[in-house]
Amino acid sequence: MSLSQAQKKAMRSIGHHLNPVVTVSENGISEGVLAELDRALGDHELIKVKLAIPERDDRAAVIEALVKDSRAENVQSIGKMVLLYRANPKANPKLSNIKRFEEHHGRR
């Protein structure tokens, strides 16, 4: 799955207003973090993840692992935040950030 630049731009505008739903600490990626990440991506499709990791190189490695382990796409990463997207054709329209945005803005 590869998003176009236009799709990424639209998702960045949606993601700008989101709060992080998953936090990865200096302890790294645990089974609990992966389970919560999988649940959040399944429900919301587009999520913001906070990385409580001081070193830039360590954050980059964690982002790479999160993307790989969750089968998500990195839409944007700035500082200690990363915006991840994974499509869910069966997503609940009341929970999906993408579907709620489309509904609110009259897009289908």
PDB file of N, CA and C in Angstrom:
ATOM      1  N   MET A   1       0.857  -1.164   0.000  1.00  0.00           N
ATOM      2  CA  MET A   1       0.000   0.000   0.000  1.00  0.00           C
ATOM      3  C   MET A   1       0.897   1.219   0.000  1.00  0.00           C
ATOM      4  N   SER A   2       0.677   2.081  -0.962  1.00  0.00           N
ATOM      5  CA  SER A   2       1.464   3.291  -1.034  1.00  0.00           C
ATOM      6  C   SER A   2       0.538   4.468  -1.301  1.00  0.00           C
ATOM      7  N   LEU A   3       0.607   5.446  -0.427  1.00  0.00           N
ATOM      8  CA  LEU A   3      -0.259   6.608  -0.544  1.00  0.00           C
ATOM      9  C   LEU A   3       0.354   7.638  -1.480  1.00  0.00           C
ATOM     10  N   SER A   4      -0.488   8.315  -2.234  1.00  0.00           N
ATOM     11  CA  SER A   4      -0.012   9.403  -3.093  1.00  0.00           C
ATOM     12  C   SER A   4       0.293  10.622  -2.215  1.00  0.00           C
ATOM     13  N   GLN A   5       1.000  11.583  -2.775  1.00  0.00           N
ATOM     14  CA  GLN A   5       1.311  12.799  -2.028  1.00  0.00           C
ATOM     15  C   GLN A   5       0.028  13.544  -1.646  1.00  0.00           C
ATOM     16  N   ALA A   6      -0.965  13.540  -2.552  1.00  0.00           N
ATOM     17  CA  ALA A   6      -2.237  14.210  -2.263  1.00  0.00           C
ATOM     18  C   ALA A   6      -2.961  13.526  -1.098  1.00  0.00           C
ATOM     19  N   GLN A   7      -2.930  12.188  -1.076  1.00  0.00           N
ATOM     20  CA  GLN A   7      -3.564  11.452   0.023  1.00  0.00           C
ATOM     21  C   GLN A   7      -2.857  11.753   1.341  1.00  0.00           C
ATOM     22  N   LYS A   8      -1.527  11.764   1.303  1.00  0.00           N
ATOM     23  CA  LYS A   8      -0.766  12.067   2.521  1.00  0.00           C
ATOM     24  C   LYS A   8      -1.073  13.473   3.013  1.00  0.00           C
ATOM     25  N   LYS A   9      -1.173  14.422   2.100  1.00  0.00           N
ATOM     26  CA  LYS A   9      -1.477  15.798   2.480  1.00  0.00           C
ATOM     27  C   LYS A   9      -2.835  15.878   3.170  1.00  0.00           C
ATOM     28  N   ALA A  10      -3.839  15.202   2.600  1.00  0.00           N
ATOM     29  CA  ALA A  10      -5.177  15.188   3.200  1.00  0.00           C
ATOM     30  C   ALA A  10      -5.137  14.548   4.586  1.00  0.00           C
ATOM     31  N   MET A  11      -4.387  13.465   4.722  1.00  0.00           N
ATOM     32  CA  MET A  11      -4.299  12.778   6.018  1.00  0.00           C
ATOM     33  C   MET A  11      -3.552  13.617   7.043  1.00  0.00           C
ATOM     34  N   ARG A  12      -2.535  14.358   6.607  1.00  0.00           N
ATOM     35  CA  ARG A  12      -1.820  15.242   7.533  1.00  0.00           C
ATOM     36  C   ARG A  12      -2.766  16.311   8.084  1.00  0.00           C
ATOM     37  N   SER A  13      -3.663  16.817   7.233  1.00  0.00           N
ATOM     38  CA  SER A  13      -4.593  17.846   7.717  1.00  0.00           C
ATOM     39  C   SER A  13      -5.577  17.246   8.726  1.00  0.00           C
ATOM     40  N   ILE A  14      -5.991  16.003   8.513  1.00  0.00           N
ATOM     41  CA  ILE A  14      -6.860  15.314   9.478  1.00  0.00           C
ATOM     42  C   ILE A  14      -6.081  15.044  10.762  1.00  0.00           C
ATOM     43  N   GLY A  15      -4.867  14.530  10.609  1.00  0.00           N
ATOM     44  CA  GLY A  15      -4.045  14.141  11.745  1.00  0.00           C
ATOM     45  C   GLY A  15      -3.598  15.293  12.616  1.00  0.00           C
ATOM     46  N   HIS A  16      -3.553  16.481  12.044  1.00  0.00           N
ATOM     47  CA  HIS A  16      -3.104  17.650  12.797  1.00  0.00           C
ATOM     48  C   HIS A  16      -3.929  17.844  14.065  1.00  0.00           C
ATOM     49  N   HIS A  17      -5.215  17.527  14.016  1.00  0.00           N
ATOM     50  CA  HIS A  17      -6.123  17.765  15.132  1.00  0.00           C
ATOM     51  C   HIS A  17      -6.264  16.559  16.063  1.00  0.00           C
ATOM     52  N   LEU A  18      -5.581  15.462  15.747  1.00  0.00           N
ATOM     53  CA  LEU A  18      -5.696  14.253  16.565  1.00  0.00           C
ATOM     54  C   LEU A  18      -4.772  14.307  17.772  1.00  0.00           C
ATOM     55  N   ASN A  19      -5.193  13.663  18.826  1.00  0.00           N
ATOM     56  CA  ASN A  19      -4.333  13.461  19.991  1.00  0.00           C
ATOM     57  C   ASN A  19      -3.695  12.086  19.873  1.00  0.00           C
ATOM     58  N   PRO A  20      -2.491  11.900  20.433  1.00  0.00           N
ATOM     59  CA  PRO A  20      -1.869  10.571  20.384  1.00  0.00           C
ATOM     60  C   PRO A  20      -2.714   9.547  21.136  1.00  0.00           C
ATOM     61  N   VAL A  21      -2.868   8.363  20.523  1.00  0.00           N
ATOM     62  CA  VAL A  21      -3.639   7.300  21.173  1.00  0.00           C
ATOM     63  C   VAL A  21      -2.741   6.176  21.670  1.00  0.00           C
ATOM     64  N   VAL A  22      -1.485   6.178  21.235  1.00  0.00           N
ATOM     65  CA  VAL A  22      -0.515   5.177  21.670  1.00  0.00           C
ATOM     66  C   VAL A  22       0.773   5.920  22.002  1.00  0.00           C
ATOM     67  N   THR A  23       1.422   5.512  23.087  1.00  0.00           N
ATOM     68  CA  THR A  23       2.713   6.086  23.455  1.00  0.00           C
ATOM     69  C   THR A  23       3.730   4.961  23.561  1.00  0.00           C
ATOM     70  N   VAL A  24       4.884   5.173  22.929  1.00  0.00           N
ATOM     71  CA  VAL A  24       5.986   4.219  23.025  1.00  0.00           C
ATOM     72  C   VAL A  24       7.040   4.858  23.918  1.00  0.00           C
ATOM     73  N   SER A  25       7.379   4.174  25.009  1.00  0.00           N
ATOM     74  CA  SER A  25       8.357   4.716  25.955  1.00  0.00           C
ATOM     75  C   SER A  25       9.757   4.245  25.594  1.00  0.00           C
ATOM     76  N   GLU A  26      10.707   4.655  26.408  1.00  0.00           N
ATOM     77  CA  GLU A  26      12.101   4.249  26.196  1.00  0.00           C
ATOM     78  C   GLU A  26      12.270   2.734  26.309  1.00  0.00           C
ATOM     79  N   ASN A  27      11.288   2.058  26.909  1.00  0.00           N
ATOM     80  CA  ASN A  27      11.352   0.601  27.026  1.00  0.00           C
ATOM     81  C   ASN A  27      11.175  -0.082  25.680  1.00  0.00           C
ATOM     82  N   GLY A  28      10.707   0.663  24.690  1.00  0.00           N
ATOM     83  CA  GLY A  28      10.575   0.104  23.345  1.00  0.00           C
ATOM     84  C   GLY A  28       9.195  -0.463  23.074  1.00  0.00           C
ATOM     85  N   ILE A  29       9.157  -1.307  22.066  1.00  0.00           N
ATOM     86  CA  ILE A  29       7.892  -1.860  21.584  1.00  0.00           C
ATOM     87  C   ILE A  29       7.614  -3.185  22.285  1.00  0.00           C
ATOM     88  N   SER A  30       6.585  -3.180  23.121  1.00  0.00           N
ATOM     89  CA  SER A  30       6.193  -4.400  23.835  1.00  0.00           C
ATOM     90  C   SER A  30       4.997  -5.028  23.137  1.00  0.00           C
ATOM     91  N   GLU A  31       4.623  -6.213  23.593  1.00  0.00           N
ATOM     92  CA  GLU A  31       3.433  -6.863  23.050  1.00  0.00           C
ATOM     93  C   GLU A  31       2.194  -6.005  23.310  1.00  0.00           C
ATOM     94  N   GLY A  32       2.145  -5.364  24.475  1.00  0.00           N
ATOM     95  CA  GLY A  32       1.017  -4.501  24.815  1.00  0.00           C
ATOM     96  C   GLY A  32       0.906  -3.305  23.876  1.00  0.00           C
ATOM     97  N   VAL A  33       2.044  -2.706  23.551  1.00  0.00           N
ATOM     98  CA  VAL A  33       2.064  -1.570  22.624  1.00  0.00           C
ATOM     99  C   VAL A  33       1.571  -2.020  21.253  1.00  0.00           C
ATOM    100  N   LEU A  34       2.054  -3.174  20.795  1.00  0.00           N
ATOM    101  CA  LEU A  34       1.633  -3.682  19.481  1.00  0.00           C
ATOM    102  C   LEU A  34       0.148  -4.008  19.453  1.00  0.00           C
ATOM    103  N   ALA A  35      -0.365  -4.574  20.547  1.00  0.00           N
ATOM    104  CA  ALA A  35      -1.787  -4.903  20.616  1.00  0.00           C
ATOM    105  C   ALA A  35      -2.628  -3.627  20.575  1.00  0.00           C
ATOM    106  N   GLU A  36      -2.219  -2.625  21.327  1.00  0.00           N
ATOM    107  CA  GLU A  36      -2.956  -1.356  21.351  1.00  0.00           C
ATOM    108  C   GLU A  36      -2.851  -0.644  19.998  1.00  0.00           C
ATOM    109  N   LEU A  37      -1.695  -0.704  19.377  1.00  0.00           N
ATOM    110  CA  LEU A  37      -1.490  -0.109  18.052  1.00  0.00           C
ATOM    111  C   LEU A  37      -2.406  -0.781  17.028  1.00  0.00           C
ATOM    112  N   ASP A  38      -2.467  -2.108  17.070  1.00  0.00           N
ATOM    113  CA  ASP A  38      -3.314  -2.858  16.140  1.00  0.00           C
ATOM    114  C   ASP A  38      -4.789  -2.509  16.343  1.00  0.00           C
ATOM    115  N   ARG A  39      -5.215  -2.431  17.601  1.00  0.00           N
ATOM    116  CA  ARG A  39      -6.603  -2.079  17.904  1.00  0.00           C
ATOM    117  C   ARG A  39      -6.914  -0.662  17.423  1.00  0.00           C
ATOM    118  N   ALA A  40      -6.028   0.276  17.725  1.00  0.00           N
ATOM    119  CA  ALA A  40      -6.258   1.676  17.359  1.00  0.00           C
ATOM    120  C   ALA A  40      -6.304   1.853  15.843  1.00  0.00           C
ATOM    121  N   LEU A  41      -5.402   1.201  15.126  1.00  0.00           N
ATOM    122  CA  LEU A  41      -5.410   1.300  13.662  1.00  0.00           C
ATOM    123  C   LEU A  41      -6.670   0.658  13.084  1.00  0.00           C
ATOM    124  N   GLY A  42      -7.097  -0.446  13.667  1.00  0.00           N
ATOM    125  CA  GLY A  42      -8.311  -1.109  13.206  1.00  0.00           C
ATOM    126  C   GLY A  42      -9.547  -0.245  13.410  1.00  0.00           C
ATOM    127  N   ASP A  43      -9.607   0.436  14.552  1.00  0.00           N
ATOM    128  CA  ASP A  43     -10.764   1.286  14.855  1.00  0.00           C
ATOM    129  C   ASP A  43     -10.716   2.618  14.117  1.00  0.00           C
ATOM    130  N   HIS A  44      -9.556   3.275  14.139  1.00  0.00           N
ATOM    131  CA  HIS A  44      -9.462   4.669  13.694  1.00  0.00           C
ATOM    132  C   HIS A  44      -8.806   4.859  12.329  1.00  0.00           C
ATOM    133  N   GLU A  45      -8.088   3.864  11.843  1.00  0.00           N
ATOM    134  CA  GLU A  45      -7.363   3.891  10.566  1.00  0.00           C
ATOM    135  C   GLU A  45      -6.187   4.867  10.565  1.00  0.00           C
ATOM    136  N   LEU A  46      -6.410   6.090  10.998  1.00  0.00           N
ATOM    137  CA  LEU A  46      -5.369   7.116  11.037  1.00  0.00           C
ATOM    138  C   LEU A  46      -5.160   7.498  12.492  1.00  0.00           C
ATOM    139  N   ILE A  47      -3.940   7.286  13.004  1.00  0.00           N
ATOM    140  CA  ILE A  47      -3.681   7.574  14.414  1.00  0.00           C
ATOM    141  C   ILE A  47      -2.357   8.305  14.580  1.00  0.00           C
ATOM    142  N   LYS A  48      -2.263   8.981  15.710  1.00  0.00           N
ATOM    143  CA  LYS A  48      -1.032   9.661  16.078  1.00  0.00           C
ATOM    144  C   LYS A  48      -0.400   8.870  17.219  1.00  0.00           C
ATOM    145  N   VAL A  49       0.907   8.630  17.103  1.00  0.00           N
ATOM    146  CA  VAL A  49       1.646   7.885  18.122  1.00  0.00           C
ATOM    147  C   VAL A  49       2.727   8.801  18.691  1.00  0.00           C
ATOM    148  N   LYS A  50       2.805   8.846  20.018  1.00  0.00           N
ATOM    149  CA  LYS A  50       3.833   9.643  20.685  1.00  0.00           C
ATOM    150  C   LYS A  50       5.016   8.738  21.012  1.00  0.00           C
ATOM    151  N   LEU A  51       6.202   9.224  20.699  1.00  0.00           N
ATOM    152  CA  LEU A  51       7.421   8.473  20.977  1.00  0.00           C
ATOM    153  C   LEU A  51       8.184   9.182  22.097  1.00  0.00           C
ATOM    154  N   ALA A  52       8.137   8.629  23.297  1.00  0.00           N
ATOM    155  CA  ALA A  52       8.824   9.203  24.449  1.00  0.00           C
ATOM    156  C   ALA A  52      10.254   8.689  24.477  1.00  0.00           C
ATOM    157  N   ILE A  53      10.963   8.954  23.386  1.00  0.00           N
ATOM    158  CA  ILE A  53      12.326   8.451  23.196  1.00  0.00           C
ATOM    159  C   ILE A  53      13.201   9.654  22.848  1.00  0.00           C
ATOM    160  N   PRO A  54      14.240   9.915  23.656  1.00  0.00           N
ATOM    161  CA  PRO A  54      15.011  11.145  23.454  1.00  0.00           C
ATOM    162  C   PRO A  54      15.880  11.182  22.189  1.00  0.00           C
ATOM    163  N   GLU A  55      16.468  10.074  21.810  1.00  0.00           N
ATOM    164  CA  GLU A  55      17.418  10.071  20.689  1.00  0.00           C
ATOM    165  C   GLU A  55      16.731   9.919  19.341  1.00  0.00           C
ATOM    166  N   ARG A  56      17.079  10.796  18.397  1.00  0.00           N
ATOM    167  CA  ARG A  56      16.476  10.799  17.066  1.00  0.00           C
ATOM    168  C   ARG A  56      16.675   9.469  16.338  1.00  0.00           C
ATOM    169  N   ASP A  57      17.876   8.913  16.393  1.00  0.00           N
ATOM    170  CA  ASP A  57      18.151   7.646  15.704  1.00  0.00           C
ATOM    171  C   ASP A  57      17.322   6.505  16.289  1.00  0.00           C
ATOM    172  N   ASP A  58      17.167   6.519  17.612  1.00  0.00           N
ATOM    173  CA  ASP A  58      16.338   5.496  18.265  1.00  0.00           C
ATOM    174  C   ASP A  58      14.882   5.639  17.843  1.00  0.00           C
ATOM    175  N   ARG A  59      14.391   6.885  17.755  1.00  0.00           N
ATOM    176  CA  ARG A  59      13.006   7.120  17.312  1.00  0.00           C
ATOM    177  C   ARG A  59      12.811   6.613  15.892  1.00  0.00           C
ATOM    178  N   ALA A  60      13.783   6.878  15.015  1.00  0.00           N
ATOM    179  CA  ALA A  60      13.669   6.432  13.616  1.00  0.00           C
ATOM    180  C   ALA A  60      13.573   4.906  13.552  1.00  0.00           C
ATOM    181  N   ALA A  61      14.367   4.215  14.367  1.00  0.00           N
ATOM    182  CA  ALA A  61      14.330   2.747  14.386  1.00  0.00           C
ATOM    183  C   ALA A  61      12.982   2.247  14.905  1.00  0.00           C
ATOM    184  N   VAL A  62      12.439   2.913  15.922  1.00  0.00           N
ATOM    185  CA  VAL A  62      11.143   2.515  16.478  1.00  0.00           C
ATOM    186  C   VAL A  62      10.035   2.755  15.451  1.00  0.00           C
ATOM    187  N   ILE A  63      10.082   3.881  14.749  1.00  0.00           N
ATOM    188  CA  ILE A  63       9.077   4.163  13.718  1.00  0.00           C
ATOM    189  C   ILE A  63       9.113   3.081  12.649  1.00  0.00           C
ATOM    190  N   GLU A  64      10.315   2.739  12.209  1.00  0.00           N
ATOM    191  CA  GLU A  64      10.463   1.690  11.185  1.00  0.00           C
ATOM    192  C   GLU A  64       9.856   0.372  11.671  1.00  0.00           C
ATOM    193  N   ALA A  65      10.127   0.019  12.924  1.00  0.00           N
ATOM    194  CA  ALA A  65       9.592  -1.229  13.484  1.00  0.00           C
ATOM    195  C   ALA A  65       8.074  -1.159  13.625  1.00  0.00           C
ATOM    196  N   LEU A  66       7.540  -0.015  14.059  1.00  0.00           N
ATOM    197  CA  LEU A  66       6.087   0.136  14.197  1.00  0.00           C
ATOM    198  C   LEU A  66       5.398  -0.041  12.852  1.00  0.00           C
ATOM    199  N   VAL A  67       5.943   0.586  11.823  1.00  0.00           N
ATOM    200  CA  VAL A  67       5.364   0.495  10.485  1.00  0.00           C
ATOM    201  C   VAL A  67       5.370  -0.953  10.007  1.00  0.00           C
ATOM    202  N   LYS A  68       6.509  -1.618  10.196  1.00  0.00           N
ATOM    203  CA  LYS A  68       6.644  -3.008   9.744  1.00  0.00           C
ATOM    204  C   LYS A  68       5.710  -3.939  10.532  1.00  0.00           C
ATOM    205  N   ASP A  69       5.726  -3.818  11.858  1.00  0.00           N
ATOM    206  CA  ASP A  69       4.951  -4.730  12.703  1.00  0.00           C
ATOM    207  C   ASP A  69       3.443  -4.518  12.582  1.00  0.00           C
ATOM    208  N   SER A  70       3.023  -3.292  12.282  1.00  0.00           N
ATOM    209  CA  SER A  70       1.592  -3.002  12.220  1.00  0.00           C
ATOM    210  C   SER A  70       1.038  -3.012  10.796  1.00  0.00           C
ATOM    211  N   ARG A  71       1.922  -3.171   9.810  1.00  0.00           N
ATOM    212  CA  ARG A  71       1.529  -3.123   8.393  1.00  0.00           C
ATOM    213  C   ARG A  71       0.845  -1.797   8.069  1.00  0.00           C
ATOM    214  N   ALA A  72       1.302  -0.738   8.710  1.00  0.00           N
ATOM    215  CA  ALA A  72       0.745   0.599   8.497  1.00  0.00           C
ATOM    216  C   ALA A  72       1.697   1.399   7.627  1.00  0.00           C
ATOM    217  N   GLU A  73       1.246   2.583   7.258  1.00  0.00           N
ATOM    218  CA  GLU A  73       2.082   3.471   6.464  1.00  0.00           C
ATOM    219  C   GLU A  73       2.377   4.727   7.281  1.00  0.00           C
ATOM    220  N   ASN A  74       3.631   5.141   7.239  1.00  0.00           N
ATOM    221  CA  ASN A  74       4.045   6.366   7.915  1.00  0.00           C
ATOM    222  C   ASN A  74       3.611   7.543   7.044  1.00  0.00           C
ATOM    223  N   VAL A  75       2.617   8.276   7.510  1.00  0.00           N
ATOM    224  CA  VAL A  75       2.127   9.432   6.768  1.00  0.00           C
ATOM    225  C   VAL A  75       3.048  10.616   7.030  1.00  0.00           C
ATOM    226  N   GLN A  76       3.457  10.782   8.291  1.00  0.00           N
ATOM    227  CA  GLN A  76       4.308  11.910   8.656  1.00  0.00           C
ATOM    228  C   GLN A  76       4.931  11.642  10.016  1.00  0.00           C
ATOM    229  N   SER A  77       6.167  12.077  10.176  1.00  0.00           N
ATOM    230  CA  SER A  77       6.772  12.049  11.506  1.00  0.00           C
ATOM    231  C   SER A  77       7.474  13.382  11.723  1.00  0.00           C
ATOM    232  N   ILE A  78       7.117  13.985  12.837  1.00  0.00           N
ATOM    233  CA  ILE A  78       7.709  15.260  13.230  1.00  0.00           C
ATOM    234  C   ILE A  78       8.099  15.142  14.694  1.00  0.00           C
ATOM    235  N   GLY A  79       9.374  15.335  14.963  1.00  0.00           N
ATOM    236  CA  GLY A  79       9.838  15.270  16.349  1.00  0.00           C
ATOM    237  C   GLY A  79       9.501  13.945  16.986  1.00  0.00           C
ATOM    238  N   LYS A  80       8.726  14.004  18.061  1.00  0.00           N
ATOM    239  CA  LYS A  80       8.378  12.790  18.809  1.00  0.00           C
ATOM    240  C   LYS A  80       6.973  12.285  18.503  1.00  0.00           C
ATOM    241  N   MET A  81       6.421  12.733  17.369  1.00  0.00           N
ATOM    242  CA  MET A  81       5.085  12.272  16.949  1.00  0.00           C
ATOM    243  C   MET A  81       5.184  11.626  15.576  1.00  0.00           C
ATOM    244  N   VAL A  82       4.405  10.576  15.391  1.00  0.00           N
ATOM    245  CA  VAL A  82       4.321   9.935  14.081  1.00  0.00           C
ATOM    246  C   VAL A  82       2.842   9.679  13.782  1.00  0.00           C
ATOM    247  N   LEU A  83       2.473   9.933  12.533  1.00  0.00           N
ATOM    248  CA  LEU A  83       1.099   9.731  12.078  1.00  0.00           C
ATOM    249  C   LEU A  83       1.089   8.478  11.214  1.00  0.00           C
ATOM    250  N   LEU A  84       0.330   7.463  11.645  1.00  0.00           N
ATOM    251  CA  LEU A  84       0.279   6.183  10.945  1.00  0.00           C
ATOM    252  C   LEU A  84      -1.107   5.956  10.363  1.00  0.00           C
ATOM    253  N   TYR A  85      -1.140   5.277   9.203  1.00  0.00           N
ATOM    254  CA  TYR A  85      -2.401   4.959   8.535  1.00  0.00           C
ATOM    255  C   TYR A  85      -2.395   3.501   8.098  1.00  0.00           C
ATOM    256  N   ARG A  86      -3.520   2.842   8.362  1.00  0.00           N
ATOM    257  CA  ARG A  86      -3.753   1.502   7.833  1.00  0.00           C
ATOM    258  C   ARG A  86      -5.227   1.406   7.479  1.00  0.00           C
ATOM    259  N   ALA A  87      -5.492   1.163   6.209  1.00  0.00           N
ATOM    260  CA  ALA A  87      -6.874   1.093   5.740  1.00  0.00           C
ATOM    261  C   ALA A  87      -7.604  -0.076   6.383  1.00  0.00           C
ATOM    262  N   ASN A  88      -8.874   0.150   6.688  1.00  0.00           N
ATOM    263  CA  ASN A  88      -9.745  -0.898   7.207  1.00  0.00           C
ATOM    264  C   ASN A  88     -11.086  -0.758   6.502  1.00  0.00           C
ATOM    265  N   PRO A  89     -11.328  -1.593   5.481  1.00  0.00           N
ATOM    266  CA  PRO A  89     -12.583  -1.467   4.729  1.00  0.00           C
ATOM    267  C   PRO A  89     -13.826  -1.688   5.592  1.00  0.00           C
ATOM    268  N   LYS A  90     -13.674  -2.339   6.734  1.00  0.00           N
ATOM    269  CA  LYS A  90     -14.815  -2.613   7.616  1.00  0.00           C
ATOM    270  C   LYS A  90     -14.824  -1.697   8.838  1.00  0.00           C
ATOM    271  N   ALA A  91     -14.111  -0.581   8.757  1.00  0.00           N
ATOM    272  CA  ALA A  91     -14.010   0.324   9.901  1.00  0.00           C
ATOM    273  C   ALA A  91     -15.370   0.905  10.271  1.00  0.00           C
ATOM    274  N   ASN A  92     -15.591   1.044  11.566  1.00  0.00           N
ATOM    275  CA  ASN A  92     -16.805   1.649  12.085  1.00  0.00           C
ATOM    276  C   ASN A  92     -16.783   3.141  11.742  1.00  0.00           C
ATOM    277  N   PRO A  93     -17.778   3.636  11.006  1.00  0.00           N
ATOM    278  CA  PRO A  93     -17.783   5.047  10.602  1.00  0.00           C
ATOM    279  C   PRO A  93     -17.786   6.018  11.783  1.00  0.00           C
ATOM    280  N   LYS A  94     -18.233   5.566  12.942  1.00  0.00           N
ATOM    281  CA  LYS A  94     -18.244   6.442  14.123  1.00  0.00           C
ATOM    282  C   LYS A  94     -16.863   6.527  14.762  1.00  0.00           C
ATOM    283  N   LEU A  95     -15.988   5.563  14.487  1.00  0.00           N
ATOM    284  CA  LEU A  95     -14.655   5.549  15.081  1.00  0.00           C
ATOM    285  C   LEU A  95     -13.567   5.968  14.104  1.00  0.00           C
ATOM    286  N   SER A  96     -13.727   5.660  12.842  1.00  0.00           N
ATOM    287  CA  SER A  96     -12.693   5.925  11.846  1.00  0.00           C
ATOM    288  C   SER A  96     -12.494   7.423  11.645  1.00  0.00           C
ATOM    289  N   ASN A  97     -11.273   7.897  11.855  1.00  0.00           N
ATOM    290  CA  ASN A  97     -10.963   9.308  11.648  1.00  0.00           C
ATOM    291  C   ASN A  97     -11.150   9.697  10.185  1.00  0.00           C
ATOM    292  N   ILE A  98     -10.866   8.784   9.277  1.00  0.00           N
ATOM    293  CA  ILE A  98     -11.001   9.052   7.848  1.00  0.00           C
ATOM    294  C   ILE A  98     -12.483   9.175   7.472  1.00  0.00           C
ATOM    295  N   LYS A  99     -13.278   8.190   7.878  1.00  0.00           N
ATOM    296  CA  LYS A  99     -14.696   8.192   7.522  1.00  0.00           C
ATOM    297  C   LYS A  99     -15.448   9.351   8.182  1.00  0.00           C
ATOM    298  N   ARG A 100     -15.092   9.679   9.426  1.00  0.00           N
ATOM    299  CA  ARG A 100     -15.737  10.816  10.102  1.00  0.00           C
ATOM    300  C   ARG A 100     -15.401  12.117   9.376  1.00  0.00           C
ATOM    301  N   PHE A 101     -14.167  12.269   8.939  1.00  0.00           N
ATOM    302  CA  PHE A 101     -13.763  13.467   8.205  1.00  0.00           C
ATOM    303  C   PHE A 101     -14.530  13.579   6.898  1.00  0.00           C
ATOM    304  N   GLU A 102     -14.608  12.457   6.179  1.00  0.00           N
ATOM    305  CA  GLU A 102     -15.314  12.454   4.884  1.00  0.00           C
ATOM    306  C   GLU A 102     -16.791  12.783   5.076  1.00  0.00           C
ATOM    307  N   GLU A 103     -17.396  12.211   6.106  1.00  0.00           N
ATOM    308  CA  GLU A 103     -18.796  12.479   6.386  1.00  0.00           C
ATOM    309  C   GLU A 103     -19.011  13.950   6.738  1.00  0.00           C
ATOM    310  N   HIS A 104     -18.152  14.462   7.584  1.00  0.00           N
ATOM    311  CA  HIS A 104     -18.273  15.845   8.049  1.00  0.00           C
ATOM    312  C   HIS A 104     -18.055  16.856   6.915  1.00  0.00           C
ATOM    313  N   HIS A 105     -17.209  16.498   5.955  1.00  0.00           N
ATOM    314  CA  HIS A 105     -16.878  17.406   4.852  1.00  0.00           C
ATOM    315  C   HIS A 105     -17.564  17.033   3.551  1.00  0.00           C
ATOM    316  N   GLY A 106     -18.536  16.129   3.619  1.00  0.00           N
ATOM    317  CA  GLY A 106     -19.343  15.793   2.446  1.00  0.00           C
ATOM    318  C   GLY A 106     -18.591  15.064   1.351  1.00  0.00           C
ATOM    319  N   ARG A 107     -17.559  14.320   1.717  1.00  0.00           N
ATOM    320  CA  ARG A 107     -16.808  13.547   0.701  1.00  0.00           C
ATOM    321  C   ARG A 107     -17.160  12.084   0.846  1.00  0.00           C
ATOM    322  N   ARG A 108     -17.066  11.381  -0.225  1.00  0.00           N
ATOM    323  CA  ARG A 108     -17.329   9.936  -0.211  1.00  0.00           C
ATOM    324  C   ARG A 108     -16.293   9.221  -1.026  1.00  0.00           C
TER     325      ARG A 108
END
